C-alpha atoms as a PDB file:
ATOM      1  CA  MET A   1      74.619 -29.223 -15.749  1.00  0.00           C
ATOM      2  CA  ALA A   2      71.023 -30.623 -15.105  1.00  0.00           C
ATOM      3  CA  GLY A   3      69.105 -28.702 -12.031  1.00  0.00           C
ATOM      4  CA  PRO A   4      67.581 -31.277  -8.893  1.00  0.00           C
ATOM      5  CA  ASP A   5      64.109 -32.037 -11.203  1.00  0.00           C
ATOM      6  CA  ALA A   6      65.748 -32.915 -14.328  1.00  0.00           C
ATOM      7  CA  GLY A   7      65.754 -37.084 -15.527  1.00  0.00           C
ATOM      8  CA  PRO A   8      63.478 -38.749 -16.941  1.00  0.00           C
ATOM      9  CA  ARG A   9      61.869 -40.897 -14.746  1.00  0.00           C
ATOM     10  CA  ARG A  10      61.259 -38.122 -11.799  1.00  0.00           C
ATOM     11  CA  ILE A  11      57.199 -37.617 -12.425  1.00  0.00           C
ATOM     12  CA  PRO A  12      56.043 -34.081 -12.011  1.00  0.00           C
ATOM     13  CA  THR A  13      54.007 -33.695  -8.586  1.00  0.00           C
ATOM     14  CA  TYR A  14      51.876 -30.848  -7.612  1.00  0.00           C
ATOM     15  CA  VAL A  15      51.031 -31.376  -3.665  1.00  0.00           C
ATOM     16  CA  VAL A  16      47.107 -29.995  -2.952  1.00  0.00           C
ATOM     17  CA  ALA A  17      45.865 -29.470   0.855  1.00  0.00           C
ATOM     18  CA  GLY A  18      43.540 -28.299   2.636  1.00  0.00           C
ATOM     19  CA  ASP A  19      45.843 -26.358   5.221  1.00  0.00           C
ATOM     20  CA  PRO A  20      49.631 -24.645   4.501  1.00  0.00           C
ATOM     21  CA  ILE A  21      51.008 -27.269   6.545  1.00  0.00           C
ATOM     22  CA  SER A  22      49.136 -30.168   5.679  1.00  0.00           C
ATOM     23  CA  ARG A  23      51.340 -29.013   2.044  1.00  0.00           C
ATOM     24  CA  ALA A  24      54.467 -28.064   2.920  1.00  0.00           C
ATOM     25  CA  GLY A  25      55.106 -30.949   5.332  1.00  0.00           C
ATOM     26  CA  LEU A  26      54.036 -33.770   2.742  1.00  0.00           C
ATOM     27  CA  ALA A  27      55.559 -31.895  -0.239  1.00  0.00           C
ATOM     28  CA  THR A  28      59.271 -31.403   1.830  1.00  0.00           C
ATOM     29  CA  GLN A  29      58.249 -35.454   2.224  1.00  0.00           C
ATOM     30  CA  LEU A  30      57.911 -35.739  -1.112  1.00  0.00           C
ATOM     31  CA  ARG A  31      60.893 -33.527  -1.988  1.00  0.00           C
ATOM     32  CA  GLY A  32      63.327 -36.504  -0.590  1.00  0.00           C
ATOM     33  CA  ARG A  33      62.637 -38.545  -3.144  1.00  0.00           C
ATOM     34  CA  HIS A  34      64.374 -39.864  -6.654  1.00  0.00           C
ATOM     35  CA  ASP A  35      61.181 -40.253  -8.043  1.00  0.00           C
ATOM     36  CA  LEU A  36      59.375 -37.768  -7.805  1.00  0.00           C
ATOM     37  CA  ALA A  37      60.084 -34.181  -8.376  1.00  0.00           C
ATOM     38  CA  VAL A  38      57.235 -31.537  -6.666  1.00  0.00           C
ATOM     39  CA  VAL A  39      56.304 -28.340  -8.690  1.00  0.00           C
ATOM     40  CA  ASP A  40      54.727 -25.708  -7.263  1.00  0.00           C
ATOM     41  CA  ASP A  41      52.695 -24.520 -10.683  1.00  0.00           C
ATOM     42  CA  VAL A  42      50.540 -27.231 -10.977  1.00  0.00           C
ATOM     43  CA  GLU A  43      50.573 -26.655 -15.184  1.00  0.00           C
ATOM     44  CA  ARG A  44      53.749 -28.485 -14.547  1.00  0.00           C
ATOM     45  CA  ALA A  45      52.769 -31.800 -13.216  1.00  0.00           C
ATOM     46  CA  ALA A  46      52.258 -34.813 -14.661  1.00  0.00           C
ATOM     47  CA  VAL A  47      50.155 -36.304 -11.659  1.00  0.00           C
ATOM     48  CA  ALA A  48      48.233 -34.548  -8.092  1.00  0.00           C
ATOM     49  CA  VAL A  49      48.283 -35.714  -4.923  1.00  0.00           C
ATOM     50  CA  LEU A  50      45.319 -34.296  -3.567  1.00  0.00           C
ATOM     51  CA  VAL A  51      44.402 -34.713   0.491  1.00  0.00           C
ATOM     52  CA  ALA A  52      41.696 -34.427   2.261  1.00  0.00           C
ATOM     53  CA  ASP A  53      39.593 -35.502   5.916  1.00  0.00           C
ATOM     54  CA  ALA A  54      37.407 -36.954   3.573  1.00  0.00           C
ATOM     55  CA  VAL A  55      36.311 -38.233   0.182  1.00  0.00           C
ATOM     56  CA  ASP A  56      33.284 -36.002  -0.121  1.00  0.00           C
ATOM     57  CA  GLU A  57      31.642 -33.457  -2.760  1.00  0.00           C
ATOM     58  CA  ALA A  58      34.455 -30.900  -1.629  1.00  0.00           C
ATOM     59  CA  ALA A  59      37.468 -33.402  -3.034  1.00  0.00           C
ATOM     60  CA  ALA A  60      35.521 -34.597  -5.887  1.00  0.00           C
ATOM     61  CA  GLN A  61      34.668 -31.180  -6.932  1.00  0.00           C
ATOM     62  CA  ALA A  62      38.759 -30.529  -5.997  1.00  0.00           C
ATOM     63  CA  VAL A  63      39.626 -33.850  -8.200  1.00  0.00           C
ATOM     64  CA  ARG A  64      37.571 -32.665 -11.174  1.00  0.00           C
ATOM     65  CA  ALA A  65      38.591 -29.319 -11.583  1.00  0.00           C
ATOM     66  CA  LEU A  66      42.400 -30.347 -11.603  1.00  0.00           C
ATOM     67  CA  ARG A  67      41.647 -33.003 -14.838  1.00  0.00           C
ATOM     68  CA  GLY A  68      39.900 -29.962 -16.114  1.00  0.00           C
ATOM     69  CA  ARG A  69      43.406 -28.241 -15.373  1.00  0.00           C
ATOM     70  CA  GLY A  70      44.935 -30.342 -18.320  1.00  0.00           C
ATOM     71  CA  LEU A  71      47.010 -32.940 -15.506  1.00  0.00           C
ATOM     72  CA  LEU A  72      46.852 -36.518 -16.503  1.00  0.00           C
ATOM     73  CA  ASP A  73      46.577 -38.108 -13.097  1.00  0.00           C
ATOM     74  CA  VAL A  74      45.010 -37.197  -9.541  1.00  0.00           C
ATOM     75  CA  LEU A  75      46.241 -38.980  -6.749  1.00  0.00           C
ATOM     76  CA  VAL A  76      43.536 -38.725  -3.311  1.00  0.00           C
ATOM     77  CA  VAL A  77      44.834 -38.982   0.248  1.00  0.00           C
ATOM     78  CA  ALA A  78      41.912 -38.740   2.949  1.00  0.00           C
ATOM     79  CA  THR A  79      41.969 -39.209   6.802  1.00  0.00           C
ATOM     80  CA  ALA A  80      38.617 -41.279   5.987  1.00  0.00           C
ATOM     81  CA  ILE A  81      37.991 -43.665   2.729  1.00  0.00           C
ATOM     82  CA  ASP A  82      34.587 -46.112   2.983  1.00  0.00           C
ATOM     83  CA  ASP A  83      33.184 -47.682  -0.473  1.00  0.00           C
ATOM     84  CA  ARG A  84      31.150 -44.290  -0.927  1.00  0.00           C
ATOM     85  CA  GLY A  85      34.233 -42.052  -0.847  1.00  0.00           C
ATOM     86  CA  VAL A  86      35.556 -44.881  -3.621  1.00  0.00           C
ATOM     87  CA  ARG A  87      33.480 -44.163  -5.811  1.00  0.00           C
ATOM     88  CA  ARG A  88      32.646 -40.617  -5.536  1.00  0.00           C
ATOM     89  CA  ALA A  89      36.231 -40.671  -6.338  1.00  0.00           C
ATOM     90  CA  ALA A  90      36.936 -42.701  -9.174  1.00  0.00           C
ATOM     91  CA  GLU A  91      33.322 -40.994 -11.177  1.00  0.00           C
ATOM     92  CA  ALA A  92      35.500 -37.906 -10.432  1.00  0.00           C
ATOM     93  CA  GLY A  93      38.892 -38.983 -12.385  1.00  0.00           C
ATOM     94  CA  ALA A  94      40.805 -39.909  -9.771  1.00  0.00           C
ATOM     95  CA  CYS A  95      43.064 -42.477 -10.816  1.00  0.00           C
ATOM     96  CA  ALA A  96      43.359 -44.113  -6.796  1.00  0.00           C
ATOM     97  CA  VAL A  97      42.623 -43.254  -3.420  1.00  0.00           C
ATOM     98  CA  LEU A  98      44.710 -43.698  -0.197  1.00  0.00           C
ATOM     99  CA  ARG A  99      44.233 -43.447   3.303  1.00  0.00           C
ATOM    100  CA  ARG A 100      46.558 -40.969   4.827  1.00  0.00           C
ATOM    101  CA  VAL A 101      47.442 -43.352   7.487  1.00  0.00           C
ATOM    102  CA  ASP A 102      49.396 -45.419   4.808  1.00  0.00           C
ATOM    103  CA  ALA A 103      50.686 -42.266   3.124  1.00  0.00           C
ATOM    104  CA  SER A 104      54.777 -42.546   3.743  1.00  0.00           C
ATOM    105  CA  PRO A 105      56.682 -40.472   0.891  1.00  0.00           C
ATOM    106  CA  GLU A 106      58.229 -44.525   0.278  1.00  0.00           C
ATOM    107  CA  LYS A 107      54.629 -45.325  -0.570  1.00  0.00           C
ATOM    108  CA  LEU A 108      52.853 -42.441  -1.885  1.00  0.00           C
ATOM    109  CA  ALA A 109      56.089 -42.733  -3.859  1.00  0.00           C
ATOM    110  CA  ALA A 110      54.765 -45.943  -5.602  1.00  0.00           C
ATOM    111  CA  VAL A 111      51.014 -45.515  -5.870  1.00  0.00           C
ATOM    112  CA  VAL A 112      52.269 -42.433  -7.765  1.00  0.00           C
ATOM    113  CA  VAL A 113      54.584 -44.065 -10.231  1.00  0.00           C
ATOM    114  CA  SER A 114      51.684 -46.909 -10.429  1.00  0.00           C
ATOM    115  CA  ALA A 115      48.780 -44.846 -10.543  1.00  0.00           C
ATOM    116  CA  VAL A 116      51.413 -42.468 -13.805  1.00  0.00           C
ATOM    117  CA  ASN A 117      51.856 -45.903 -15.335  1.00  0.00           C
ATOM    118  CA  GLY A 118      48.247 -46.815 -15.180  1.00  0.00           C
ATOM    119  CA  HIS A 119      48.020 -49.734 -12.093  1.00  0.00           C
ATOM    120  CA  GLY A 120      46.071 -47.112  -9.679  1.00  0.00           C
ATOM    121  CA  GLY A 121      42.852 -48.274  -8.190  1.00  0.00           C
ATOM    122  CA  PRO A 122      41.129 -48.143  -4.705  1.00  0.00           C
ATOM    123  CA  PRO A 123      42.406 -50.179  -1.672  1.00  0.00           C
ATOM    124  CA  PRO A 124      41.848 -53.585  -2.037  1.00  0.00           C
ATOM    125  CA  ASP A 125      40.454 -54.365   1.299  1.00  0.00           C
ATOM    126  CA  LEU A 126      37.074 -51.539   0.680  1.00  0.00           C
ATOM    127  CA  LEU A 127      35.740 -53.552  -2.395  1.00  0.00           C
ATOM    128  CA  CYS A 128      35.344 -56.584  -0.206  1.00  0.00           C
ATOM    129  CA  SER A 129      32.812 -55.027   2.828  1.00  0.00           C
ATOM    130  CA  ALA A 130      30.804 -52.649  -0.154  1.00  0.00           C
ATOM    131  CA  PRO A 131      27.291 -51.409   1.009  1.00  0.00           C
ATOM    132  CA  PRO A 132      24.220 -52.815   0.100  1.00  0.00           C
ATOM    133  CA  GLU A 133      23.182 -50.714  -3.033  1.00  0.00           C
ATOM    134  CA  VAL A 134      27.085 -51.711  -5.089  1.00  0.00           C
ATOM    135  CA  GLY A 135      24.671 -55.219  -5.565  1.00  0.00           C
ATOM    136  CA  ARG A 136      22.236 -52.941  -7.960  1.00  0.00           C
ATOM    137  CA  PRO A 137      22.289 -53.290 -11.354  1.00  0.00           C
ATOM    138  CA  LEU A 138      24.342 -49.845 -12.585  1.00  0.00           C
ATOM    139  CA  GLN A 139      22.937 -48.260 -15.746  1.00  0.00           C
ATOM    140  CA  ASP A 140      25.008 -47.920 -19.179  1.00  0.00           C
ATOM    141  CA  PRO A 141      25.873 -43.801 -19.222  1.00  0.00           C
ATOM    142  CA  HIS A 142      24.927 -43.375 -22.359  1.00  0.00           C
ATOM    143  CA  GLN A 143      21.642 -44.637 -22.009  1.00  0.00           C
ATOM    144  CA  ARG A 144      18.321 -43.912 -20.470  1.00  0.00           C
ATOM    145  CA  GLY A 145      15.797 -45.053 -18.113  1.00  0.00           C
ATOM    146  CA  ASP A 146      16.004 -48.332 -16.037  1.00  0.00           C
ATOM    147  CA  ALA A 147      18.240 -51.102 -18.363  1.00  0.00           C
ATOM    148  CA  PRO A 148      20.558 -52.737 -16.430  1.00  0.00           C
ATOM    149  CA  ALA A 149      24.035 -52.932 -17.365  1.00  0.00           C
ATOM    150  CA  ARG A 150      25.240 -54.180 -20.159  1.00  0.00           C
ATOM    151  CA  GLY A 151      27.054 -57.655 -19.439  1.00  0.00           C
ATOM    152  CA  PHE A 152      30.420 -58.438 -19.418  1.00  0.00           C
ATOM    153  CA  SER A 153      32.445 -61.333 -20.141  1.00  0.00           C
ATOM    154  CA  GLU A 154      34.350 -63.822 -18.023  1.00  0.00           C
ATOM    155  CA  ARG A 155      37.574 -62.735 -19.435  1.00  0.00           C
ATOM    156  CA  GLU A 156      36.841 -59.195 -18.392  1.00  0.00           C
ATOM    157  CA  VAL A 157      35.188 -59.977 -14.613  1.00  0.00           C
ATOM    158  CA  GLU A 158      38.033 -61.510 -14.019  1.00  0.00           C
ATOM    159  CA  VAL A 159      40.755 -58.585 -15.103  1.00  0.00           C
ATOM    160  CA  LEU A 160      38.749 -56.668 -12.567  1.00  0.00           C
ATOM    161  CA  ARG A 161      38.536 -58.558  -9.935  1.00  0.00           C
ATOM    162  CA  LEU A 162      42.461 -58.882 -10.295  1.00  0.00           C
ATOM    163  CA  VAL A 163      42.568 -55.034 -10.579  1.00  0.00           C
ATOM    164  CA  ALA A 164      39.977 -54.579  -7.452  1.00  0.00           C
ATOM    165  CA  ASP A 165      42.210 -57.349  -5.471  1.00  0.00           C
ATOM    166  CA  GLY A 166      45.368 -55.333  -5.845  1.00  0.00           C
ATOM    167  CA  LEU A 167      47.732 -56.502  -8.999  1.00  0.00           C
ATOM    168  CA  ASP A 168      48.859 -54.629 -11.511  1.00  0.00           C
ATOM    169  CA  THR A 169      49.329 -55.124 -14.886  1.00  0.00           C
ATOM    170  CA  ALA A 170      52.522 -57.607 -15.231  1.00  0.00           C
ATOM    171  CA  GLU A 171      50.636 -59.573 -12.537  1.00  0.00           C
ATOM    172  CA  ILE A 172      47.191 -60.211 -13.997  1.00  0.00           C
ATOM    173  CA  ALA A 173      49.180 -60.710 -16.734  1.00  0.00           C
ATOM    174  CA  SER A 174      50.898 -63.890 -15.142  1.00  0.00           C
ATOM    175  CA  ARG A 175      47.644 -65.124 -13.608  1.00  0.00           C
ATOM    176  CA  ILE A 176      45.747 -65.449 -16.265  1.00  0.00           C
ATOM    177  CA  ALA A 177      48.681 -66.850 -18.921  1.00  0.00           C
ATOM    178  CA  CYS A 178      48.127 -63.900 -20.933  1.00  0.00           C
ATOM    179  CA  SER A 179      50.356 -60.738 -22.366  1.00  0.00           C
ATOM    180  CA  GLU A 180      50.334 -57.672 -20.718  1.00  0.00           C
ATOM    181  CA  ARG A 181      49.066 -55.748 -23.773  1.00  0.00           C
ATOM    182  CA  THR A 182      45.875 -57.814 -23.484  1.00  0.00           C
ATOM    183  CA  VAL A 183      44.740 -57.375 -20.045  1.00  0.00           C
ATOM    184  CA  LYS A 184      45.395 -53.612 -20.832  1.00  0.00           C
ATOM    185  CA  ASN A 185      43.221 -53.962 -23.537  1.00  0.00           C
ATOM    186  CA  VAL A 186      40.563 -55.885 -22.158  1.00  0.00           C
ATOM    187  CA  ILE A 187      40.274 -52.754 -19.614  1.00  0.00           C
ATOM    188  CA  HIS A 188      40.079 -50.669 -22.292  1.00  0.00           C
ATOM    189  CA  ASP A 189      37.520 -52.296 -24.199  1.00  0.00           C
ATOM    190  CA  VAL A 190      35.555 -51.499 -20.698  1.00  0.00           C
ATOM    191  CA  THR A 191      36.042 -47.674 -20.564  1.00  0.00           C
ATOM    192  CA  ALA A 192      35.850 -47.544 -23.533  1.00  0.00           C
ATOM    193  CA  ARG A 193      32.868 -49.158 -23.131  1.00  0.00           C
ATOM    194  CA  TYR A 194      30.759 -47.883 -20.468  1.00  0.00           C
ATOM    195  CA  GLY A 195      32.042 -44.547 -21.136  1.00  0.00           C
ATOM    196  CA  LEU A 196      34.786 -44.898 -18.335  1.00  0.00           C
ATOM    197  CA  ARG A 197      37.384 -42.875 -17.220  1.00  0.00           C
ATOM    198  CA  ASN A 198      40.203 -44.928 -15.449  1.00  0.00           C
ATOM    199  CA  ARG A 199      40.748 -48.384 -14.176  1.00  0.00           C
ATOM    200  CA  CYS A 200      39.409 -47.149 -10.758  1.00  0.00           C
ATOM    201  CA  HIS A 201      36.446 -46.079 -12.245  1.00  0.00           C
ATOM    202  CA  ALA A 202      35.922 -49.513 -13.974  1.00  0.00           C
ATOM    203  CA  VAL A 203      36.030 -51.144 -10.568  1.00  0.00           C
ATOM    204  CA  ALA A 204      33.971 -48.807  -9.002  1.00  0.00           C
ATOM    205  CA  TYR A 205      31.504 -49.946 -11.761  1.00  0.00           C
ATOM    206  CA  ALA A 206      31.441 -53.206 -11.985  1.00  0.00           C
ATOM    207  CA  LEU A 207      31.301 -52.664  -8.316  1.00  0.00           C
ATOM    208  CA  ARG A 208      27.936 -50.844  -8.216  1.00  0.00           C
ATOM    209  CA  ALA A 209      26.904 -53.365 -11.319  1.00  0.00           C
ATOM    210  CA  GLY A 210      27.329 -56.182  -9.128  1.00  0.00           C
ATOM    211  CA  VAL A 211      29.612 -58.016 -11.205  1.00  0.00           C
ATOM    212  CA  ILE A 212      32.336 -58.064  -9.122  1.00  0.00           C
END
């Protein structure tokens, strides 16, 4: 008979927190989920849930360290999240960010599953009140000097705006009357062209470039 963590639909999930009480509490809640399998060995994990007070440089370093261990995805759960923190998390390689107040076991599981399926992103309402520097052109990661970022096509802007609104691939495809493959290709083209890590990073980049 298969063990409790068996089954192709259960995502191996590693919980990281600054204190053992937070980690134990969250791990206990997630162990009751049918779609997640909490593991104690980071090498066995497909996704990590990082709990932090704020998305500061220490949290960003933790994301990079987890990504360096070979994890496919890192979800950040923070008490305080702002636009700067969203960008910092995205640039560190996080697939999604979530406010701690919203992090019920059900919501966390849904975000983990969505992120693993490539639908992660920052909380949509954070994208409506970006600080002044967001509108300034962002330099292409592969360029030097003061040249602004390369232009985005109308379709790319349209897709990125819908990603920022929190829509997943299927919803975006339905909204703009195209296939899911087309949506994935659009996002892939943007991330490949600018050397970005994932769709969350693409949204942060487009924000800073002033195109969404």
